[in-house]
Structures are given as C-alpha cells and as structure tokens.
Amino acid sequence: GGVWETPSKAAVRRALTRPNDEEVCSEADAEV
C-alpha cells in the first residue's frame, strides 16, 4: 500500500551494507 513497515532499523542497516563496506552501515549513514 505504498508503505514499507521495516522489521527494524538494524535490518535496514544490514540491507544497506554493501560488499566493500568494512562494517555494517551505521544508523547515521542510513539516516543520511
């Protein structure tokens, strides 16, 4: 319905982590 209710902020951060990233995407980087 046009909305994604994400399971958690941590899940989004993991999903935004790319293979060449040295660590999981930070909450600050996800917010940016």
PDB file of all heavy atoms in Angstrom:
ATOM      1  N   GLY A   1       0.797  -1.223   0.000  1.00  0.00           N
ATOM      2  CA  GLY A   1       0.000   0.000   0.000  1.00  0.00           C
ATOM      3  C   GLY A   1       0.827   1.270   0.000  1.00  0.00           C
ATOM      4  O   GLY A   1       0.445   2.260   0.604  1.00  0.00           O
ATOM      5  N   GLY A   2       1.983   1.224  -0.648  1.00  0.00           N
ATOM      6  CA  GLY A   2       2.832   2.401  -0.737  1.00  0.00           C
ATOM      7  C   GLY A   2       3.772   2.599   0.431  1.00  0.00           C
ATOM      8  O   GLY A   2       4.543   3.550   0.459  1.00  0.00           O
ATOM      9  N   VAL A   3       3.703   1.689   1.422  1.00  0.00           N
ATOM     10  CA  VAL A   3       4.498   1.836   2.637  1.00  0.00           C
ATOM     11  C   VAL A   3       5.249   0.541   2.942  1.00  0.00           C
ATOM     12  O   VAL A   3       4.707  -0.553   2.771  1.00  0.00           O
ATOM     13  CB  VAL A   3       3.581   2.175   3.845  1.00  0.00           C
ATOM     14  CG1 VAL A   3       4.364   2.253   5.138  1.00  0.00           C
ATOM     15  CG2 VAL A   3       2.826   3.462   3.589  1.00  0.00           C
ATOM     16  N   TRP A   4       6.493   0.671   3.391  1.00  0.00           N
ATOM     17  CA  TRP A   4       7.241  -0.483   3.908  1.00  0.00           C
ATOM     18  C   TRP A   4       7.456  -0.259   5.387  1.00  0.00           C
ATOM     19  O   TRP A   4       8.197   0.627   5.798  1.00  0.00           O
ATOM     20  CB  TRP A   4       8.572  -0.651   3.194  1.00  0.00           C
ATOM     21  CG  TRP A   4       9.412  -1.793   3.728  1.00  0.00           C
ATOM     22  CD1 TRP A   4       8.963  -2.941   4.303  1.00  0.00           C
ATOM     23  CD2 TRP A   4      10.839  -1.890   3.730  1.00  0.00           C
ATOM     24  NE1 TRP A   4      10.015  -3.759   4.654  1.00  0.00           N
ATOM     25  CE2 TRP A   4      11.176  -3.126   4.320  1.00  0.00           C
ATOM     26  CE3 TRP A   4      11.858  -1.055   3.295  1.00  0.00           C
ATOM     27  CZ2 TRP A   4      12.501  -3.539   4.485  1.00  0.00           C
ATOM     28  CZ3 TRP A   4      13.164  -1.475   3.463  1.00  0.00           C
ATOM     29  CH2 TRP A   4      13.480  -2.702   4.030  1.00  0.00           C
ATOM     30  N   GLU A   5       6.773  -1.037   6.187  1.00  0.00           N
ATOM     31  CA  GLU A   5       6.992  -1.050   7.638  1.00  0.00           C
ATOM     32  C   GLU A   5       8.151  -2.004   7.862  1.00  0.00           C
ATOM     33  O   GLU A   5       7.988  -3.222   7.816  1.00  0.00           O
ATOM     34  CB  GLU A   5       5.744  -1.532   8.375  1.00  0.00           C
ATOM     35  CG  GLU A   5       4.510  -0.689   8.151  1.00  0.00           C
ATOM     36  CD  GLU A   5       4.467   0.581   8.974  1.00  0.00           C
ATOM     37  OE1 GLU A   5       5.324   0.755   9.875  1.00  0.00           O
ATOM     38  OE2 GLU A   5       3.590   1.415   8.716  1.00  0.00           O
ATOM     39  N   THR A   6       9.336  -1.463   8.086  1.00  0.00           N
ATOM     40  CA  THR A   6      10.543  -2.280   8.169  1.00  0.00           C
ATOM     41  C   THR A   6      10.557  -3.091   9.463  1.00  0.00           C
ATOM     42  O   THR A   6       9.971  -2.676  10.463  1.00  0.00           O
ATOM     43  CB  THR A   6      11.802  -1.400   8.092  1.00  0.00           C
ATOM     44  OG1 THR A   6      11.875  -0.571   9.242  1.00  0.00           O
ATOM     45  CG2 THR A   6      11.800  -0.540   6.844  1.00  0.00           C
ATOM     46  N   PRO A   7      11.232  -4.251   9.457  1.00  0.00           N
ATOM     47  CA  PRO A   7      11.273  -5.072  10.666  1.00  0.00           C
ATOM     48  C   PRO A   7      12.018  -4.386  11.814  1.00  0.00           C
ATOM     49  O   PRO A   7      11.652  -4.541  12.970  1.00  0.00           O
ATOM     50  CB  PRO A   7      11.980  -6.349  10.236  1.00  0.00           C
ATOM     51  CG  PRO A   7      12.557  -6.080   8.895  1.00  0.00           C
ATOM     52  CD  PRO A   7      11.897  -4.878   8.330  1.00  0.00           C
ATOM     53  N   SER A   8      13.068  -3.637  11.482  1.00  0.00           N
ATOM     54  CA  SER A   8      13.849  -2.915  12.491  1.00  0.00           C
ATOM     55  C   SER A   8      14.844  -2.005  11.786  1.00  0.00           C
ATOM     56  O   SER A   8      15.135  -2.184  10.603  1.00  0.00           O
ATOM     57  CB  SER A   8      14.611  -3.887  13.396  1.00  0.00           C
ATOM     58  OG  SER A   8      15.621  -4.556  12.649  1.00  0.00           O
ATOM     59  N   LYS A   9      15.363  -1.039  12.524  1.00  0.00           N
ATOM     60  CA  LYS A   9      16.407  -0.186  11.964  1.00  0.00           C
ATOM     61  C   LYS A   9      17.637  -1.025  11.624  1.00  0.00           C
ATOM     62  O   LYS A   9      18.295  -0.795  10.622  1.00  0.00           O
ATOM     63  CB  LYS A   9      16.792   0.915  12.948  1.00  0.00           C
ATOM     64  CG  LYS A   9      15.770   2.003  13.094  1.00  0.00           C
ATOM     65  CD  LYS A   9      16.278   3.061  14.063  1.00  0.00           C
ATOM     66  CE  LYS A   9      15.256   4.147  14.265  1.00  0.00           C
ATOM     67  NZ  LYS A   9      15.761   5.175  15.197  1.00  0.00           N
ATOM     68  N   ALA A  10      17.934  -1.995  12.481  1.00  0.00           N
ATOM     69  CA  ALA A  10      19.106  -2.851  12.255  1.00  0.00           C
ATOM     70  C   ALA A  10      18.968  -3.637  10.956  1.00  0.00           C
ATOM     71  O   ALA A  10      19.946  -3.804  10.219  1.00  0.00           O
ATOM     72  CB  ALA A  10      19.311  -3.795  13.434  1.00  0.00           C
ATOM     73  N   ALA A  11      17.767  -4.098  10.648  1.00  0.00           N
ATOM     74  CA  ALA A  11      17.543  -4.838   9.404  1.00  0.00           C
ATOM     75  C   ALA A  11      17.792  -3.939   8.195  1.00  0.00           C
ATOM     76  O   ALA A  11      18.393  -4.374   7.201  1.00  0.00           O
ATOM     77  CB  ALA A  11      16.129  -5.407   9.368  1.00  0.00           C
ATOM     78  N   VAL A  12      17.349  -2.700   8.283  1.00  0.00           N
ATOM     79  CA  VAL A  12      17.576  -1.749   7.189  1.00  0.00           C
ATOM     80  C   VAL A  12      19.071  -1.473   7.056  1.00  0.00           C
ATOM     81  O   VAL A  12      19.611  -1.445   5.947  1.00  0.00           O
ATOM     82  CB  VAL A  12      16.786  -0.441   7.421  1.00  0.00           C
ATOM     83  CG1 VAL A  12      17.130   0.599   6.364  1.00  0.00           C
ATOM     84  CG2 VAL A  12      15.295  -0.724   7.426  1.00  0.00           C
ATOM     85  N   ARG A  13      19.745  -1.282   8.172  1.00  0.00           N
ATOM     86  CA  ARG A  13      21.187  -1.022   8.140  1.00  0.00           C
ATOM     87  C   ARG A  13      21.941  -2.193   7.497  1.00  0.00           C
ATOM     88  O   ARG A  13      22.846  -1.983   6.692  1.00  0.00           O
ATOM     89  CB  ARG A  13      21.701  -0.760   9.552  1.00  0.00           C
ATOM     90  CG  ARG A  13      21.205   0.574  10.107  1.00  0.00           C
ATOM     91  CD  ARG A  13      21.592   0.809  11.547  1.00  0.00           C
ATOM     92  NE  ARG A  13      22.973   0.498  11.781  1.00  0.00           N
ATOM     93  CZ  ARG A  13      23.423  -0.109  12.885  1.00  0.00           C
ATOM     94  NH1 ARG A  13      22.595  -0.465  13.842  1.00  0.00           N
ATOM     95  NH2 ARG A  13      24.702  -0.354  13.023  1.00  0.00           N
ATOM     96  N   ARG A  14      21.562  -3.423   7.838  1.00  0.00           N
ATOM     97  CA  ARG A  14      22.206  -4.598   7.218  1.00  0.00           C
ATOM     98  C   ARG A  14      21.922  -4.635   5.724  1.00  0.00           C
ATOM     99  O   ARG A  14      22.809  -4.936   4.923  1.00  0.00           O
ATOM    100  CB  ARG A  14      21.743  -5.888   7.891  1.00  0.00           C
ATOM    101  CG  ARG A  14      22.355  -6.136   9.253  1.00  0.00           C
ATOM    102  CD  ARG A  14      22.048  -7.519   9.789  1.00  0.00           C
ATOM    103  NE  ARG A  14      20.614  -7.787   9.888  1.00  0.00           N
ATOM    104  CZ  ARG A  14      19.867  -7.505  10.950  1.00  0.00           C
ATOM    105  NH1 ARG A  14      20.395  -6.940  12.008  1.00  0.00           N
ATOM    106  NH2 ARG A  14      18.581  -7.794  10.960  1.00  0.00           N
ATOM    107  N   ALA A  15      20.692  -4.314   5.332  1.00  0.00           N
ATOM    108  CA  ALA A  15      20.314  -4.332   3.913  1.00  0.00           C
ATOM    109  C   ALA A  15      21.062  -3.265   3.121  1.00  0.00           C
ATOM    110  O   ALA A  15      21.297  -3.438   1.923  1.00  0.00           O
ATOM    111  CB  ALA A  15      18.809  -4.144   3.767  1.00  0.00           C
ATOM    112  N   LEU A  16      21.443  -2.176   3.774  1.00  0.00           N
ATOM    113  CA  LEU A  16      22.174  -1.098   3.107  1.00  0.00           C
ATOM    114  C   LEU A  16      23.683  -1.317   3.090  1.00  0.00           C
ATOM    115  O   LEU A  16      24.417  -0.551   2.480  1.00  0.00           O
ATOM    116  CB  LEU A  16      21.877   0.247   3.788  1.00  0.00           C
ATOM    117  CG  LEU A  16      20.479   0.804   3.591  1.00  0.00           C
ATOM    118  CD1 LEU A  16      20.293   2.065   4.430  1.00  0.00           C
ATOM    119  CD2 LEU A  16      20.213   1.098   2.123  1.00  0.00           C
ATOM    120  N   THR A  17      24.142  -2.371   3.753  1.00  0.00           N
ATOM    121  CA  THR A  17      25.569  -2.666   3.787  1.00  0.00           C
ATOM    122  C   THR A  17      25.988  -3.330   2.484  1.00  0.00           C
ATOM    123  O   THR A  17      25.410  -4.325   2.065  1.00  0.00           O
ATOM    124  CB  THR A  17      25.909  -3.577   4.984  1.00  0.00           C
ATOM    125  OG1 THR A  17      25.485  -2.904   6.176  1.00  0.00           O
ATOM    126  CG2 THR A  17      27.390  -3.868   5.046  1.00  0.00           C
ATOM    127  N   ARG A  18      26.994  -2.746   1.850  1.00  0.00           N
ATOM    128  CA  ARG A  18      27.474  -3.239   0.559  1.00  0.00           C
ATOM    129  C   ARG A  18      28.703  -4.123   0.765  1.00  0.00           C
ATOM    130  O   ARG A  18      29.373  -4.019   1.792  1.00  0.00           O
ATOM    131  CB  ARG A  18      27.790  -2.044  -0.334  1.00  0.00           C
ATOM    132  CG  ARG A  18      26.543  -1.172  -0.550  1.00  0.00           C
ATOM    133  CD  ARG A  18      26.845   0.206  -0.999  1.00  0.00           C
ATOM    134  NE  ARG A  18      27.681   0.895  -0.023  1.00  0.00           N
ATOM    135  CZ  ARG A  18      27.904   2.193  -0.009  1.00  0.00           C
ATOM    136  NH1 ARG A  18      27.350   2.964  -0.913  1.00  0.00           N
ATOM    137  NH2 ARG A  18      28.667   2.761   0.901  1.00  0.00           N
ATOM    138  N   PRO A  19      29.002  -5.002  -0.180  1.00  0.00           N
ATOM    139  CA  PRO A  19      30.112  -5.946  -0.013  1.00  0.00           C
ATOM    140  C   PRO A  19      31.460  -5.305   0.319  1.00  0.00           C
ATOM    141  O   PRO A  19      32.225  -5.871   1.086  1.00  0.00           O
ATOM    142  CB  PRO A  19      30.176  -6.673  -1.357  1.00  0.00           C
ATOM    143  CG  PRO A  19      28.812  -6.567  -1.907  1.00  0.00           C
ATOM    144  CD  PRO A  19      28.291  -5.233  -1.439  1.00  0.00           C
ATOM    145  N   ASN A  20      31.740  -4.128  -0.214  1.00  0.00           N
ATOM    146  CA  ASN A  20      33.037  -3.498   0.041  1.00  0.00           C
ATOM    147  C   ASN A  20      33.054  -2.642   1.300  1.00  0.00           C
ATOM    148  O   ASN A  20      34.101  -2.094   1.647  1.00  0.00           O
ATOM    149  CB  ASN A  20      33.480  -2.662  -1.165  1.00  0.00           C
ATOM    150  CG  ASN A  20      33.820  -3.540  -2.349  1.00  0.00           C
ATOM    151  OD1 ASN A  20      34.194  -4.696  -2.193  1.00  0.00           O
ATOM    152  ND2 ASN A  20      33.693  -3.002  -3.541  1.00  0.00           N
ATOM    153  N   ASP A  21      31.924  -2.511   1.965  1.00  0.00           N
ATOM    154  CA  ASP A  21      31.887  -1.767   3.229  1.00  0.00           C
ATOM    155  C   ASP A  21      32.623  -2.581   4.284  1.00  0.00           C
ATOM    156  O   ASP A  21      32.486  -3.797   4.348  1.00  0.00           O
ATOM    157  CB  ASP A  21      30.444  -1.514   3.677  1.00  0.00           C
ATOM    158  CG  ASP A  21      29.690  -0.575   2.749  1.00  0.00           C
ATOM    159  OD1 ASP A  21      30.343   0.183   2.009  1.00  0.00           O
ATOM    160  OD2 ASP A  21      28.447  -0.614   2.774  1.00  0.00           O
ATOM    161  N   GLU A  22      33.400  -1.890   5.111  1.00  0.00           N
ATOM    162  CA  GLU A  22      34.183  -2.603   6.121  1.00  0.00           C
ATOM    163  C   GLU A  22      33.343  -3.049   7.309  1.00  0.00           C
ATOM    164  O   GLU A  22      33.706  -3.981   8.014  1.00  0.00           O
ATOM    165  CB  GLU A  22      35.354  -1.737   6.570  1.00  0.00           C
ATOM    166  CG  GLU A  22      36.364  -1.545   5.443  1.00  0.00           C
ATOM    167  CD  GLU A  22      37.590  -0.776   5.874  1.00  0.00           C
ATOM    168  OE1 GLU A  22      37.820  -0.630   7.084  1.00  0.00           O
ATOM    169  OE2 GLU A  22      38.307  -0.337   4.967  1.00  0.00           O
ATOM    170  N   GLU A  23      32.226  -2.378   7.551  1.00  0.00           N
ATOM    171  CA  GLU A  23      31.334  -2.773   8.635  1.00  0.00           C
ATOM    172  C   GLU A  23      29.895  -2.454   8.244  1.00  0.00           C
ATOM    173  O   GLU A  23      29.648  -1.818   7.225  1.00  0.00           O
ATOM    174  CB  GLU A  23      31.719  -2.088   9.943  1.00  0.00           C
ATOM    175  CG  GLU A  23      31.978  -0.617   9.843  1.00  0.00           C
ATOM    176  CD  GLU A  23      32.591  -0.068  11.122  1.00  0.00           C
ATOM    177  OE1 GLU A  23      33.657  -0.523  11.541  1.00  0.00           O
ATOM    178  OE2 GLU A  23      31.957   0.832  11.677  1.00  0.00           O
ATOM    179  N   VAL A  24      28.976  -2.896   9.070  1.00  0.00           N
ATOM    180  CA  VAL A  24      27.552  -2.675   8.799  1.00  0.00           C
ATOM    181  C   VAL A  24      27.285  -1.176   8.729  1.00  0.00           C
ATOM    182  O   VAL A  24      27.854  -0.388   9.491  1.00  0.00           O
ATOM    183  CB  VAL A  24      26.693  -3.328   9.904  1.00  0.00           C
ATOM    184  CG1 VAL A  24      25.221  -2.972   9.739  1.00  0.00           C
ATOM    185  CG2 VAL A  24      26.866  -4.835   9.893  1.00  0.00           C
ATOM    186  N   CYS A  25      26.434  -0.795   7.828  1.00  0.00           N
ATOM    187  CA  CYS A  25      26.027   0.604   7.659  1.00  0.00           C
ATOM    188  C   CYS A  25      25.595   1.169   9.015  1.00  0.00           C
ATOM    189  O   CYS A  25      24.775   0.569   9.716  1.00  0.00           O
ATOM    190  CB  CYS A  25      24.873   0.667   6.656  1.00  0.00           C
ATOM    191  SG  CYS A  25      24.163   2.304   6.409  1.00  0.00           S
ATOM    192  N   SER A  26      26.142   2.312   9.377  1.00  0.00           N
ATOM    193  CA  SER A  26      25.787   2.924  10.660  1.00  0.00           C
ATOM    194  C   SER A  26      24.382   3.522  10.585  1.00  0.00           C
ATOM    195  O   SER A  26      23.854   3.787   9.490  1.00  0.00           O
ATOM    196  CB  SER A  26      26.786   4.019  11.019  1.00  0.00           C
ATOM    197  OG  SER A  26      26.639   5.120  10.142  1.00  0.00           O
ATOM    198  N   GLU A  27      23.802   3.747  11.744  1.00  0.00           N
ATOM    199  CA  GLU A  27      22.477   4.369  11.763  1.00  0.00           C
ATOM    200  C   GLU A  27      22.551   5.773  11.163  1.00  0.00           C
ATOM    201  O   GLU A  27      21.651   6.196  10.438  1.00  0.00           O
ATOM    202  CB  GLU A  27      21.923   4.425  13.183  1.00  0.00           C
ATOM    203  CG  GLU A  27      20.491   4.914  13.213  1.00  0.00           C
ATOM    204  CD  GLU A  27      19.800   4.709  14.546  1.00  0.00           C
ATOM    205  OE1 GLU A  27      20.276   3.923  15.373  1.00  0.00           O
ATOM    206  OE2 GLU A  27      18.760   5.361  14.734  1.00  0.00           O
ATOM    207  N   ALA A  28      23.640   6.483  11.429  1.00  0.00           N
ATOM    208  CA  ALA A  28      23.805   7.833  10.877  1.00  0.00           C
ATOM    209  C   ALA A  28      23.858   7.789   9.355  1.00  0.00           C
ATOM    210  O   ALA A  28      23.225   8.617   8.680  1.00  0.00           O
ATOM    211  CB  ALA A  28      25.067   8.483  11.439  1.00  0.00           C
ATOM    212  N   ASP A  29      24.599   6.827   8.778  1.00  0.00           N
ATOM    213  CA  ASP A  29      24.680   6.709   7.320  1.00  0.00           C
ATOM    214  C   ASP A  29      23.335   6.303   6.724  1.00  0.00           C
ATOM    215  O   ASP A  29      22.957   6.755   5.641  1.00  0.00           O
ATOM    216  CB  ASP A  29      25.757   5.712   6.912  1.00  0.00           C
ATOM    217  CG  ASP A  29      27.165   6.252   7.102  1.00  0.00           C
ATOM    218  OD1 ASP A  29      27.328   7.496   7.187  1.00  0.00           O
ATOM    219  OD2 ASP A  29      28.106   5.434   7.173  1.00  0.00           O
ATOM    220  N   ALA A  30      22.592   5.452   7.423  1.00  0.00           N
ATOM    221  CA  ALA A  30      21.259   5.058   6.959  1.00  0.00           C
ATOM    222  C   ALA A  30      20.314   6.265   6.984  1.00  0.00           C
ATOM    223  O   ALA A  30      19.530   6.468   6.053  1.00  0.00           O
ATOM    224  CB  ALA A  30      20.709   3.924   7.814  1.00  0.00           C
ATOM    225  N   GLU A  31      20.420   7.086   8.024  1.00  0.00           N
ATOM    226  CA  GLU A  31      19.595   8.300   8.115  1.00  0.00           C
ATOM    227  C   GLU A  31      19.944   9.278   6.988  1.00  0.00           C
ATOM    228  O   GLU A  31      19.059   9.905   6.415  1.00  0.00           O
ATOM    229  CB  GLU A  31      19.773   8.983   9.474  1.00  0.00           C
ATOM    230  CG  GLU A  31      19.152   8.234  10.629  1.00  0.00           C
ATOM    231  CD  GLU A  31      17.640   8.307  10.694  1.00  0.00           C
ATOM    232  OE1 GLU A  31      17.016   9.077   9.932  1.00  0.00           O
ATOM    233  OE2 GLU A  31      17.072   7.564  11.517  1.00  0.00           O
ATOM    234  N   VAL A  32      21.237   9.399   6.660  1.00  0.00           N
ATOM    235  CA  VAL A  32      21.653  10.266   5.557  1.00  0.00           C
ATOM    236  C   VAL A  32      21.057   9.766   4.245  1.00  0.00           C
ATOM    237  O   VAL A  32      20.553  10.555   3.437  1.00  0.00           O
ATOM    238  CB  VAL A  32      23.193  10.361   5.479  1.00  0.00           C
ATOM    239  CG1 VAL A  32      23.646  11.002   4.178  1.00  0.00           C
ATOM    240  CG2 VAL A  32      23.736  11.137   6.671  1.00  0.00           C
TER     241      VAL A  32
END
